[in-house]
Amino acid sequence: MTDVAAAPVGSDDSADYAGAGCLWWGMLFLGAAWVLIAFAILGFDPTSVTIIGVMTGLVILLAGLTELTAIVVDDGWKWVHAGLGIVFVVTGVLAMFAPFQTFGILALLIGWYLIVRGTFGVVFTLLARHEMHLWGLTLGAAIIELLIGIWAVGYPGRSGALLILWVGIAALVRGITQIVFAFRLRSDAHAAA
């Protein structure tokens, strides 16, 4: 495996990396779009079901475009990025055509996801408590996830608030990660040139 930064300017490795470095602005744009969507989602009223469904569809669509962009930038697993990108784009478009169903299904799925994740977290933490430092914190986080999941599944209105919070925070984290990656890609491309 060769170091890209040490590759000669005329080699194939530096040309590929410089081509990927030219796409840093696209990654920066996607990151900024993620952050703006996150702030928009976090500002929504949980009673506006249609808007939440449409925005969730947009977030899924943007996730698909991000995955398709990763095909150009990432060296390995291109087929996984392509597959996820296609699935996300199709799902995002379908979600925008049926926003009410999207809202209800996603809210319920997130609640059940938290129940399953919290349950496994409790079990695995208790099994590994002798090997884990601060296992009580991990156990506490798993119990909180479990309780929030039960709370959200119990009533769809609460699921809506949880859905807004979860999608908004996920979009914000993804946006910040994309922006940092874009500047790292730009910096690495300049160092390789």
N, C-alpha and C. Protein backbone atom coordinates (compact mmCIF):
# COMPACT_ATOMS: atom_id res chain seq x y z
N MET A 1 0.85 -1.17 0.00
CA MET A 1 0.00 0.00 0.00
C MET A 1 0.89 1.23 0.00
N THR A 2 0.65 2.16 -0.88
CA THR A 2 1.50 3.34 -0.98
C THR A 2 0.83 4.51 -0.31
N ASP A 3 1.67 5.41 0.13
CA ASP A 3 1.17 6.64 0.74
C ASP A 3 0.86 7.62 -0.37
N VAL A 4 -0.34 8.11 -0.43
CA VAL A 4 -0.77 9.01 -1.50
C VAL A 4 0.00 10.32 -1.44
N ALA A 5 0.25 10.82 -0.24
CA ALA A 5 0.96 12.10 -0.13
C ALA A 5 2.38 11.99 -0.64
N ALA A 6 2.98 10.78 -0.59
CA ALA A 6 4.35 10.60 -1.03
C ALA A 6 4.43 10.19 -2.49
N ALA A 7 3.30 10.00 -3.15
CA ALA A 7 3.29 9.55 -4.54
C ALA A 7 3.77 10.67 -5.44
N PRO A 8 4.55 10.34 -6.48
CA PRO A 8 5.00 11.36 -7.42
C PRO A 8 3.82 11.99 -8.13
N VAL A 9 4.01 13.22 -8.59
CA VAL A 9 2.92 13.98 -9.20
C VAL A 9 2.40 13.29 -10.45
N GLY A 10 3.25 12.64 -11.20
CA GLY A 10 2.82 12.02 -12.44
C GLY A 10 2.22 10.64 -12.27
N SER A 11 2.19 10.09 -11.06
CA SER A 11 1.70 8.73 -10.87
C SER A 11 0.18 8.70 -10.87
N ASP A 12 -0.36 7.49 -11.06
CA ASP A 12 -1.81 7.32 -11.09
C ASP A 12 -2.45 7.65 -9.75
N ASP A 13 -1.76 7.29 -8.62
CA ASP A 13 -2.32 7.54 -7.30
C ASP A 13 -2.55 9.02 -7.06
N SER A 14 -1.57 9.86 -7.41
CA SER A 14 -1.74 11.29 -7.15
C SER A 14 -2.80 11.88 -8.06
N ALA A 15 -2.93 11.37 -9.31
CA ALA A 15 -3.96 11.88 -10.22
C ALA A 15 -5.34 11.53 -9.69
N ASP A 16 -5.50 10.29 -9.20
CA ASP A 16 -6.80 9.90 -8.64
C ASP A 16 -7.14 10.74 -7.42
N TYR A 17 -6.15 10.97 -6.57
CA TYR A 17 -6.41 11.72 -5.35
C TYR A 17 -6.70 13.18 -5.65
N ALA A 18 -5.99 13.74 -6.65
CA ALA A 18 -6.25 15.13 -7.03
C ALA A 18 -7.66 15.26 -7.60
N GLY A 19 -8.10 14.25 -8.37
CA GLY A 19 -9.47 14.27 -8.90
C GLY A 19 -10.49 14.24 -7.78
N ALA A 20 -10.23 13.41 -6.77
CA ALA A 20 -11.13 13.36 -5.62
C ALA A 20 -11.06 14.67 -4.83
N GLY A 21 -9.88 15.29 -4.80
CA GLY A 21 -9.73 16.55 -4.09
C GLY A 21 -10.52 17.68 -4.72
N CYS A 22 -10.75 17.58 -6.02
CA CYS A 22 -11.55 18.60 -6.69
C CYS A 22 -13.01 18.55 -6.26
N LEU A 23 -13.42 17.42 -5.71
CA LEU A 23 -14.81 17.27 -5.27
C LEU A 23 -15.04 17.73 -3.84
N TRP A 24 -14.06 18.33 -3.21
CA TRP A 24 -14.22 18.75 -1.81
C TRP A 24 -15.36 19.75 -1.67
N TRP A 25 -15.54 20.58 -2.69
CA TRP A 25 -16.61 21.57 -2.61
C TRP A 25 -17.98 20.91 -2.64
N GLY A 26 -18.11 19.79 -3.35
CA GLY A 26 -19.38 19.06 -3.36
C GLY A 26 -19.70 18.49 -1.99
N MET A 27 -18.66 17.94 -1.35
CA MET A 27 -18.84 17.41 0.00
C MET A 27 -19.17 18.55 0.98
N LEU A 28 -18.53 19.70 0.78
CA LEU A 28 -18.81 20.86 1.63
C LEU A 28 -20.26 21.33 1.44
N PHE A 29 -20.71 21.34 0.20
CA PHE A 29 -22.09 21.73 -0.08
C PHE A 29 -23.08 20.76 0.58
N LEU A 30 -22.82 19.47 0.45
CA LEU A 30 -23.70 18.48 1.07
C LEU A 30 -23.70 18.62 2.59
N GLY A 31 -22.53 18.88 3.17
CA GLY A 31 -22.46 19.07 4.63
C GLY A 31 -23.26 20.28 5.07
N ALA A 32 -23.14 21.38 4.32
CA ALA A 32 -23.90 22.59 4.66
C ALA A 32 -25.41 22.33 4.50
N ALA A 33 -25.79 21.58 3.47
CA ALA A 33 -27.19 21.25 3.29
C ALA A 33 -27.71 20.41 4.44
N TRP A 34 -26.91 19.45 4.90
CA TRP A 34 -27.29 18.63 6.06
C TRP A 34 -27.54 19.50 7.28
N VAL A 35 -26.63 20.46 7.53
CA VAL A 35 -26.77 21.32 8.72
C VAL A 35 -28.03 22.18 8.61
N LEU A 36 -28.28 22.75 7.44
CA LEU A 36 -29.48 23.58 7.27
C LEU A 36 -30.76 22.75 7.44
N ILE A 37 -30.77 21.56 6.88
CA ILE A 37 -31.94 20.69 7.04
C ILE A 37 -32.12 20.31 8.50
N ALA A 38 -31.01 20.06 9.20
CA ALA A 38 -31.10 19.70 10.62
C ALA A 38 -31.75 20.82 11.41
N PHE A 39 -31.33 22.07 11.17
CA PHE A 39 -31.92 23.18 11.91
C PHE A 39 -33.39 23.36 11.54
N ALA A 40 -33.73 23.14 10.28
CA ALA A 40 -35.13 23.25 9.87
C ALA A 40 -35.98 22.17 10.55
N ILE A 41 -35.47 20.96 10.58
CA ILE A 41 -36.22 19.86 11.20
C ILE A 41 -36.38 20.09 12.70
N LEU A 42 -35.31 20.50 13.37
CA LEU A 42 -35.39 20.71 14.81
C LEU A 42 -36.34 21.85 15.18
N GLY A 43 -36.64 22.73 14.23
CA GLY A 43 -37.56 23.83 14.48
C GLY A 43 -39.02 23.49 14.22
N PHE A 44 -39.29 22.27 13.71
CA PHE A 44 -40.65 21.90 13.38
C PHE A 44 -41.48 21.60 14.61
N ASP A 45 -42.78 21.81 14.44
CA ASP A 45 -43.77 21.44 15.44
C ASP A 45 -44.13 19.97 15.20
N PRO A 46 -44.08 19.13 16.24
CA PRO A 46 -44.36 17.71 16.01
C PRO A 46 -45.77 17.39 15.54
N THR A 47 -46.65 18.38 15.53
CA THR A 47 -48.01 18.12 15.07
C THR A 47 -48.15 18.28 13.55
N SER A 48 -47.13 18.82 12.88
CA SER A 48 -47.19 18.99 11.42
C SER A 48 -46.65 17.74 10.75
N VAL A 49 -47.48 16.72 10.70
CA VAL A 49 -47.09 15.39 10.24
C VAL A 49 -46.63 15.40 8.79
N THR A 50 -47.33 16.10 7.92
CA THR A 50 -46.98 16.11 6.50
C THR A 50 -45.62 16.73 6.28
N ILE A 51 -45.35 17.84 6.94
CA ILE A 51 -44.05 18.50 6.79
C ILE A 51 -42.93 17.59 7.29
N ILE A 52 -43.17 16.94 8.40
CA ILE A 52 -42.14 16.04 8.95
C ILE A 52 -41.89 14.88 7.99
N GLY A 53 -42.95 14.32 7.41
CA GLY A 53 -42.79 13.24 6.45
C GLY A 53 -42.02 13.67 5.21
N VAL A 54 -42.33 14.86 4.69
CA VAL A 54 -41.64 15.38 3.52
C VAL A 54 -40.17 15.66 3.85
N MET A 55 -39.92 16.29 5.00
CA MET A 55 -38.53 16.58 5.38
C MET A 55 -37.75 15.30 5.63
N THR A 56 -38.38 14.29 6.19
CA THR A 56 -37.70 13.01 6.37
C THR A 56 -37.36 12.42 5.01
N GLY A 57 -38.28 12.53 4.06
CA GLY A 57 -37.99 12.08 2.70
C GLY A 57 -36.83 12.83 2.09
N LEU A 58 -36.75 14.15 2.32
CA LEU A 58 -35.63 14.94 1.82
C LEU A 58 -34.31 14.52 2.46
N VAL A 59 -34.35 14.24 3.76
CA VAL A 59 -33.14 13.79 4.45
C VAL A 59 -32.67 12.45 3.89
N ILE A 60 -33.60 11.54 3.65
CA ILE A 60 -33.24 10.24 3.09
C ILE A 60 -32.70 10.41 1.67
N LEU A 61 -33.32 11.30 0.89
CA LEU A 61 -32.84 11.58 -0.46
C LEU A 61 -31.44 12.18 -0.44
N LEU A 62 -31.20 13.11 0.47
CA LEU A 62 -29.87 13.70 0.61
C LEU A 62 -28.85 12.66 1.06
N ALA A 63 -29.27 11.73 1.91
CA ALA A 63 -28.38 10.65 2.32
C ALA A 63 -28.01 9.79 1.11
N GLY A 64 -28.96 9.56 0.22
CA GLY A 64 -28.68 8.81 -1.00
C GLY A 64 -27.70 9.53 -1.90
N LEU A 65 -27.87 10.84 -2.07
CA LEU A 65 -26.93 11.61 -2.88
C LEU A 65 -25.54 11.63 -2.25
N THR A 66 -25.49 11.67 -0.93
CA THR A 66 -24.20 11.63 -0.24
C THR A 66 -23.52 10.29 -0.48
N GLU A 67 -24.27 9.20 -0.41
CA GLU A 67 -23.70 7.88 -0.67
C GLU A 67 -23.21 7.77 -2.11
N LEU A 68 -23.96 8.31 -3.06
CA LEU A 68 -23.54 8.27 -4.46
C LEU A 68 -22.29 9.13 -4.69
N THR A 69 -22.15 10.22 -3.96
CA THR A 69 -20.95 11.04 -4.03
C THR A 69 -19.76 10.29 -3.45
N ALA A 70 -20.00 9.50 -2.42
CA ALA A 70 -18.93 8.74 -1.78
C ALA A 70 -18.31 7.71 -2.72
N ILE A 71 -19.02 7.32 -3.77
CA ILE A 71 -18.47 6.39 -4.76
C ILE A 71 -17.22 6.99 -5.39
N VAL A 72 -17.26 8.27 -5.68
CA VAL A 72 -16.15 8.94 -6.34
C VAL A 72 -14.99 9.16 -5.37
N VAL A 73 -15.31 9.45 -4.12
CA VAL A 73 -14.30 9.85 -3.15
C VAL A 73 -13.67 8.65 -2.45
N ASP A 74 -14.46 7.64 -2.13
CA ASP A 74 -13.99 6.51 -1.34
C ASP A 74 -13.29 5.49 -2.22
N ASP A 75 -12.23 4.86 -1.69
CA ASP A 75 -11.47 3.88 -2.46
C ASP A 75 -12.14 2.52 -2.49
N GLY A 76 -12.64 2.06 -1.36
CA GLY A 76 -13.21 0.72 -1.28
C GLY A 76 -14.71 0.75 -1.07
N TRP A 77 -15.30 -0.41 -1.19
CA TRP A 77 -16.72 -0.60 -0.93
C TRP A 77 -17.60 0.27 -1.82
N LYS A 78 -17.20 0.50 -3.05
CA LYS A 78 -17.99 1.34 -3.96
C LYS A 78 -19.37 0.73 -4.22
N TRP A 79 -19.44 -0.60 -4.28
CA TRP A 79 -20.72 -1.25 -4.55
C TRP A 79 -21.70 -1.06 -3.40
N VAL A 80 -21.16 -0.98 -2.16
CA VAL A 80 -22.04 -0.74 -1.01
C VAL A 80 -22.59 0.69 -1.06
N HIS A 81 -21.71 1.65 -1.38
CA HIS A 81 -22.17 3.04 -1.49
C HIS A 81 -23.20 3.18 -2.62
N ALA A 82 -22.95 2.49 -3.73
CA ALA A 82 -23.90 2.56 -4.86
C ALA A 82 -25.24 1.95 -4.47
N GLY A 83 -25.22 0.80 -3.83
CA GLY A 83 -26.46 0.15 -3.42
C GLY A 83 -27.24 0.98 -2.42
N LEU A 84 -26.53 1.47 -1.38
CA LEU A 84 -27.20 2.32 -0.39
C LEU A 84 -27.72 3.60 -1.02
N GLY A 85 -26.94 4.18 -1.92
CA GLY A 85 -27.36 5.42 -2.57
C GLY A 85 -28.65 5.23 -3.35
N ILE A 86 -28.73 4.14 -4.10
CA ILE A 86 -29.93 3.88 -4.90
C ILE A 86 -31.13 3.62 -3.98
N VAL A 87 -30.93 2.81 -2.94
CA VAL A 87 -32.03 2.51 -2.01
C VAL A 87 -32.50 3.79 -1.31
N PHE A 88 -31.55 4.62 -0.86
CA PHE A 88 -31.93 5.86 -0.18
C PHE A 88 -32.66 6.82 -1.12
N VAL A 89 -32.20 6.96 -2.35
CA VAL A 89 -32.85 7.88 -3.29
C VAL A 89 -34.28 7.42 -3.57
N VAL A 90 -34.46 6.12 -3.86
CA VAL A 90 -35.80 5.60 -4.12
C VAL A 90 -36.69 5.76 -2.88
N THR A 91 -36.16 5.43 -1.70
CA THR A 91 -36.93 5.56 -0.46
C THR A 91 -37.30 7.01 -0.19
N GLY A 92 -36.36 7.93 -0.42
CA GLY A 92 -36.64 9.35 -0.21
C GLY A 92 -37.73 9.87 -1.11
N VAL A 93 -37.69 9.48 -2.37
CA VAL A 93 -38.74 9.91 -3.31
C VAL A 93 -40.09 9.33 -2.91
N LEU A 94 -40.12 8.05 -2.56
CA LEU A 94 -41.38 7.44 -2.12
C LEU A 94 -41.90 8.07 -0.84
N ALA A 95 -41.00 8.42 0.06
CA ALA A 95 -41.41 9.05 1.32
C ALA A 95 -42.05 10.41 1.09
N MET A 96 -41.57 11.14 0.08
CA MET A 96 -42.16 12.45 -0.20
C MET A 96 -43.53 12.33 -0.85
N PHE A 97 -43.80 11.21 -1.53
CA PHE A 97 -45.12 11.00 -2.13
C PHE A 97 -46.16 10.55 -1.11
N ALA A 98 -45.72 9.95 0.00
CA ALA A 98 -46.65 9.49 1.04
C ALA A 98 -46.13 9.93 2.41
N PRO A 99 -46.14 11.26 2.68
CA PRO A 99 -45.51 11.75 3.91
C PRO A 99 -46.20 11.30 5.19
N PHE A 100 -47.53 11.12 5.16
CA PHE A 100 -48.22 10.72 6.38
C PHE A 100 -47.83 9.31 6.78
N GLN A 101 -47.79 8.40 5.82
CA GLN A 101 -47.37 7.04 6.11
C GLN A 101 -45.91 7.00 6.53
N THR A 102 -45.08 7.81 5.89
CA THR A 102 -43.66 7.88 6.25
C THR A 102 -43.49 8.27 7.71
N PHE A 103 -44.23 9.28 8.12
CA PHE A 103 -44.14 9.76 9.49
C PHE A 103 -44.49 8.67 10.48
N GLY A 104 -45.62 8.04 10.28
CA GLY A 104 -46.07 7.02 11.23
C GLY A 104 -45.16 5.82 11.28
N ILE A 105 -44.73 5.35 10.13
CA ILE A 105 -43.86 4.17 10.08
C ILE A 105 -42.51 4.48 10.70
N LEU A 106 -41.91 5.62 10.33
CA LEU A 106 -40.59 5.96 10.89
C LEU A 106 -40.65 6.18 12.39
N ALA A 107 -41.68 6.85 12.86
CA ALA A 107 -41.79 7.09 14.29
C ALA A 107 -41.89 5.77 15.05
N LEU A 108 -42.67 4.86 14.53
CA LEU A 108 -42.81 3.56 15.17
C LEU A 108 -41.51 2.76 15.10
N LEU A 109 -40.85 2.79 13.94
CA LEU A 109 -39.60 2.06 13.79
C LEU A 109 -38.51 2.59 14.72
N ILE A 110 -38.45 3.89 14.88
CA ILE A 110 -37.44 4.46 15.77
C ILE A 110 -37.71 4.06 17.21
N GLY A 111 -38.97 4.06 17.60
CA GLY A 111 -39.32 3.61 18.95
C GLY A 111 -38.91 2.17 19.18
N TRP A 112 -39.23 1.29 18.22
CA TRP A 112 -38.86 -0.12 18.36
C TRP A 112 -37.35 -0.32 18.27
N TYR A 113 -36.70 0.48 17.44
CA TYR A 113 -35.23 0.41 17.37
C TYR A 113 -34.62 0.72 18.73
N LEU A 114 -35.11 1.74 19.39
CA LEU A 114 -34.59 2.09 20.70
C LEU A 114 -34.88 1.00 21.74
N ILE A 115 -36.04 0.36 21.63
CA ILE A 115 -36.35 -0.75 22.55
C ILE A 115 -35.36 -1.90 22.34
N VAL A 116 -35.15 -2.29 21.10
CA VAL A 116 -34.23 -3.40 20.81
C VAL A 116 -32.81 -3.04 21.20
N ARG A 117 -32.37 -1.84 20.81
CA ARG A 117 -31.01 -1.41 21.14
C ARG A 117 -30.81 -1.32 22.64
N GLY A 118 -31.77 -0.76 23.34
CA GLY A 118 -31.68 -0.65 24.80
C GLY A 118 -31.65 -2.01 25.48
N THR A 119 -32.48 -2.94 24.98
CA THR A 119 -32.50 -4.29 25.56
C THR A 119 -31.15 -4.98 25.37
N PHE A 120 -30.62 -4.95 24.14
CA PHE A 120 -29.31 -5.56 23.90
C PHE A 120 -28.22 -4.86 24.70
N GLY A 121 -28.32 -3.54 24.81
CA GLY A 121 -27.34 -2.80 25.60
C GLY A 121 -27.33 -3.23 27.06
N VAL A 122 -28.52 -3.41 27.64
CA VAL A 122 -28.61 -3.86 29.03
C VAL A 122 -28.00 -5.26 29.17
N VAL A 123 -28.38 -6.17 28.29
CA VAL A 123 -27.89 -7.55 28.37
C VAL A 123 -26.37 -7.60 28.20
N PHE A 124 -25.86 -6.98 27.16
CA PHE A 124 -24.41 -7.04 26.91
C PHE A 124 -23.61 -6.33 27.99
N THR A 125 -24.14 -5.24 28.52
CA THR A 125 -23.43 -4.55 29.59
C THR A 125 -23.37 -5.41 30.84
N LEU A 126 -24.48 -6.06 31.17
CA LEU A 126 -24.48 -6.93 32.35
C LEU A 126 -23.55 -8.13 32.16
N LEU A 127 -23.49 -8.67 30.95
CA LEU A 127 -22.61 -9.80 30.69
C LEU A 127 -21.12 -9.40 30.73
N ALA A 128 -20.81 -8.18 30.32
CA ALA A 128 -19.42 -7.74 30.25
C ALA A 128 -19.03 -6.79 31.37
N ARG A 129 -19.80 -6.75 32.43
CA ARG A 129 -19.55 -5.76 33.49
C ARG A 129 -18.20 -5.96 34.17
N HIS A 130 -17.68 -7.20 34.18
CA HIS A 130 -16.39 -7.45 34.84
C HIS A 130 -15.22 -6.96 33.99
N GLU A 131 -15.42 -6.86 32.67
CA GLU A 131 -14.36 -6.39 31.79
C GLU A 131 -14.45 -4.90 31.49
N MET A 132 -15.57 -4.27 31.80
CA MET A 132 -15.80 -2.88 31.42
C MET A 132 -15.56 -1.95 32.60
N HIS A 133 -14.77 -0.92 32.33
CA HIS A 133 -14.68 0.16 33.30
C HIS A 133 -15.90 1.05 33.10
N LEU A 134 -16.44 1.59 34.13
CA LEU A 134 -17.62 2.46 34.06
C LEU A 134 -18.81 1.76 33.41
N TRP A 135 -18.99 0.49 33.70
CA TRP A 135 -20.09 -0.26 33.11
C TRP A 135 -21.44 0.29 33.55
N GLY A 136 -21.49 0.94 34.68
CA GLY A 136 -22.74 1.52 35.17
C GLY A 136 -23.26 2.63 34.26
N LEU A 137 -22.34 3.43 33.68
CA LEU A 137 -22.76 4.48 32.74
C LEU A 137 -23.36 3.87 31.47
N THR A 138 -22.71 2.82 30.97
CA THR A 138 -23.23 2.15 29.78
C THR A 138 -24.58 1.52 30.07
N LEU A 139 -24.71 0.92 31.23
CA LEU A 139 -25.99 0.32 31.63
C LEU A 139 -27.07 1.40 31.75
N GLY A 140 -26.72 2.53 32.36
CA GLY A 140 -27.68 3.62 32.49
C GLY A 140 -28.14 4.15 31.14
N ALA A 141 -27.20 4.30 30.18
CA ALA A 141 -27.56 4.78 28.84
C ALA A 141 -28.47 3.78 28.14
N ALA A 142 -28.20 2.49 28.30
CA ALA A 142 -29.04 1.46 27.68
C ALA A 142 -30.44 1.45 28.28
N ILE A 143 -30.53 1.63 29.58
CA ILE A 143 -31.85 1.68 30.24
C ILE A 143 -32.63 2.90 29.77
N ILE A 144 -31.96 4.03 29.63
CA ILE A 144 -32.63 5.25 29.15
C ILE A 144 -33.13 5.04 27.72
N GLU A 145 -32.31 4.42 26.84
CA GLU A 145 -32.77 4.12 25.49
C GLU A 145 -34.00 3.22 25.50
N LEU A 146 -33.96 2.23 26.34
CA LEU A 146 -35.08 1.29 26.45
C LEU A 146 -36.35 2.02 26.91
N LEU A 147 -36.23 2.86 27.91
CA LEU A 147 -37.40 3.59 28.42
C LEU A 147 -37.94 4.60 27.41
N ILE A 148 -37.04 5.30 26.70
CA ILE A 148 -37.50 6.25 25.68
C ILE A 148 -38.21 5.51 24.56
N GLY A 149 -37.71 4.33 24.17
CA GLY A 149 -38.36 3.53 23.13
C GLY A 149 -39.75 3.09 23.56
N ILE A 150 -39.88 2.63 24.78
CA ILE A 150 -41.20 2.22 25.29
C ILE A 150 -42.13 3.42 25.35
N TRP A 151 -41.62 4.54 25.79
CA TRP A 151 -42.41 5.77 25.87
C TRP A 151 -42.89 6.21 24.48
N ALA A 152 -42.00 6.12 23.48
CA ALA A 152 -42.35 6.57 22.13
C ALA A 152 -43.34 5.63 21.45
N VAL A 153 -43.20 4.33 21.65
CA VAL A 153 -44.10 3.36 21.01
C VAL A 153 -45.50 3.44 21.61
N GLY A 154 -45.59 3.86 22.87
CA GLY A 154 -46.88 3.90 23.56
C GLY A 154 -47.87 4.88 23.00
N TYR A 155 -47.41 5.94 22.36
CA TYR A 155 -48.32 6.95 21.85
C TYR A 155 -47.69 7.63 20.63
N PRO A 156 -48.36 7.67 19.49
CA PRO A 156 -47.76 8.22 18.27
C PRO A 156 -47.36 9.69 18.38
N GLY A 157 -48.06 10.47 19.19
CA GLY A 157 -47.69 11.88 19.35
C GLY A 157 -46.31 12.04 19.93
N ARG A 158 -45.99 11.21 20.90
CA ARG A 158 -44.63 11.23 21.47
C ARG A 158 -43.63 10.72 20.46
N SER A 159 -44.04 9.76 19.64
CA SER A 159 -43.14 9.25 18.61
C SER A 159 -42.78 10.35 17.63
N GLY A 160 -43.73 11.25 17.37
CA GLY A 160 -43.45 12.37 16.47
C GLY A 160 -42.36 13.28 17.00
N ALA A 161 -42.44 13.61 18.28
CA ALA A 161 -41.41 14.45 18.89
C ALA A 161 -40.06 13.75 18.86
N LEU A 162 -40.06 12.45 19.14
CA LEU A 162 -38.82 11.68 19.10
C LEU A 162 -38.27 11.62 17.68
N LEU A 163 -39.16 11.45 16.70
CA LEU A 163 -38.72 11.39 15.31
C LEU A 163 -38.06 12.70 14.90
N ILE A 164 -38.67 13.82 15.25
CA ILE A 164 -38.07 15.12 14.92
C ILE A 164 -36.70 15.24 15.56
N LEU A 165 -36.59 14.92 16.82
CA LEU A 165 -35.32 15.03 17.52
C LEU A 165 -34.27 14.11 16.91
N TRP A 166 -34.65 12.85 16.65
CA TRP A 166 -33.70 11.88 16.13
C TRP A 166 -33.23 12.26 14.74
N VAL A 167 -34.16 12.61 13.84
CA VAL A 167 -33.78 12.97 12.47
C VAL A 167 -32.97 14.26 12.47
N GLY A 168 -33.36 15.22 13.28
CA GLY A 168 -32.62 16.48 13.34
C GLY A 168 -31.20 16.32 13.83
N ILE A 169 -31.02 15.57 14.90
CA ILE A 169 -29.68 15.36 15.44
C ILE A 169 -28.84 14.52 14.48
N ALA A 170 -29.44 13.51 13.88
CA ALA A 170 -28.71 12.68 12.92
C ALA A 170 -28.26 13.52 11.72
N ALA A 171 -29.13 14.41 11.23
CA ALA A 171 -28.76 15.26 10.10
C ALA A 171 -27.66 16.25 10.50
N LEU A 172 -27.72 16.78 11.71
CA LEU A 172 -26.70 17.71 12.18
C LEU A 172 -25.34 17.03 12.30
N VAL A 173 -25.32 15.85 12.88
CA VAL A 173 -24.06 15.12 13.02
C VAL A 173 -23.50 14.77 11.65
N ARG A 174 -24.37 14.33 10.74
CA ARG A 174 -23.91 14.00 9.39
C ARG A 174 -23.36 15.23 8.68
N GLY A 175 -24.01 16.37 8.85
CA GLY A 175 -23.53 17.60 8.22
C GLY A 175 -22.17 18.03 8.72
N ILE A 176 -21.99 18.00 10.02
CA ILE A 176 -20.70 18.39 10.59
C ILE A 176 -19.61 17.43 10.12
N THR A 177 -19.92 16.14 10.09
CA THR A 177 -18.96 15.15 9.63
C THR A 177 -18.60 15.39 8.17
N GLN A 178 -19.58 15.69 7.32
CA GLN A 178 -19.32 15.95 5.91
C GLN A 178 -18.45 17.19 5.73
N ILE A 179 -18.70 18.24 6.50
CA ILE A 179 -17.91 19.47 6.38
C ILE A 179 -16.46 19.21 6.79
N VAL A 180 -16.27 18.51 7.89
CA VAL A 180 -14.91 18.18 8.33
C VAL A 180 -14.22 17.32 7.29
N PHE A 181 -14.93 16.34 6.74
CA PHE A 181 -14.36 15.47 5.71
C PHE A 181 -13.99 16.27 4.46
N ALA A 182 -14.83 17.24 4.07
CA ALA A 182 -14.56 18.06 2.89
C ALA A 182 -13.26 18.84 3.06
N PHE A 183 -13.08 19.46 4.22
CA PHE A 183 -11.86 20.22 4.43
C PHE A 183 -10.63 19.32 4.57
N ARG A 184 -10.82 18.12 5.12
CA ARG A 184 -9.71 17.17 5.19
C ARG A 184 -9.32 16.71 3.78
N LEU A 185 -10.32 16.47 2.95
CA LEU A 185 -10.09 16.06 1.57
C LEU A 185 -9.36 17.16 0.81
N ARG A 186 -9.75 18.38 1.01
CA ARG A 186 -9.10 19.53 0.36
C ARG A 186 -7.66 19.66 0.82
N SER A 187 -7.45 19.55 2.12
CA SER A 187 -6.10 19.65 2.68
C SER A 187 -5.19 18.54 2.16
N ASP A 188 -5.72 17.31 2.13
CA ASP A 188 -4.93 16.18 1.62
C ASP A 188 -4.62 16.34 0.14
N ALA A 189 -5.55 16.88 -0.63
CA ALA A 189 -5.33 17.08 -2.06
C ALA A 189 -4.26 18.13 -2.29
N HIS A 190 -4.25 19.19 -1.47
CA HIS A 190 -3.22 20.22 -1.59
C HIS A 190 -1.85 19.68 -1.18
N ALA A 191 -1.85 18.82 -0.18
CA ALA A 191 -0.58 18.23 0.26
C ALA A 191 -0.02 17.27 -0.79
N ALA A 192 -0.90 16.59 -1.54
CA ALA A 192 -0.47 15.64 -2.56
C ALA A 192 0.02 16.35 -3.81
N ALA A 193 -0.44 17.58 -4.02
CA ALA A 193 -0.06 18.30 -5.25
C ALA A 193 1.30 18.91 -5.21
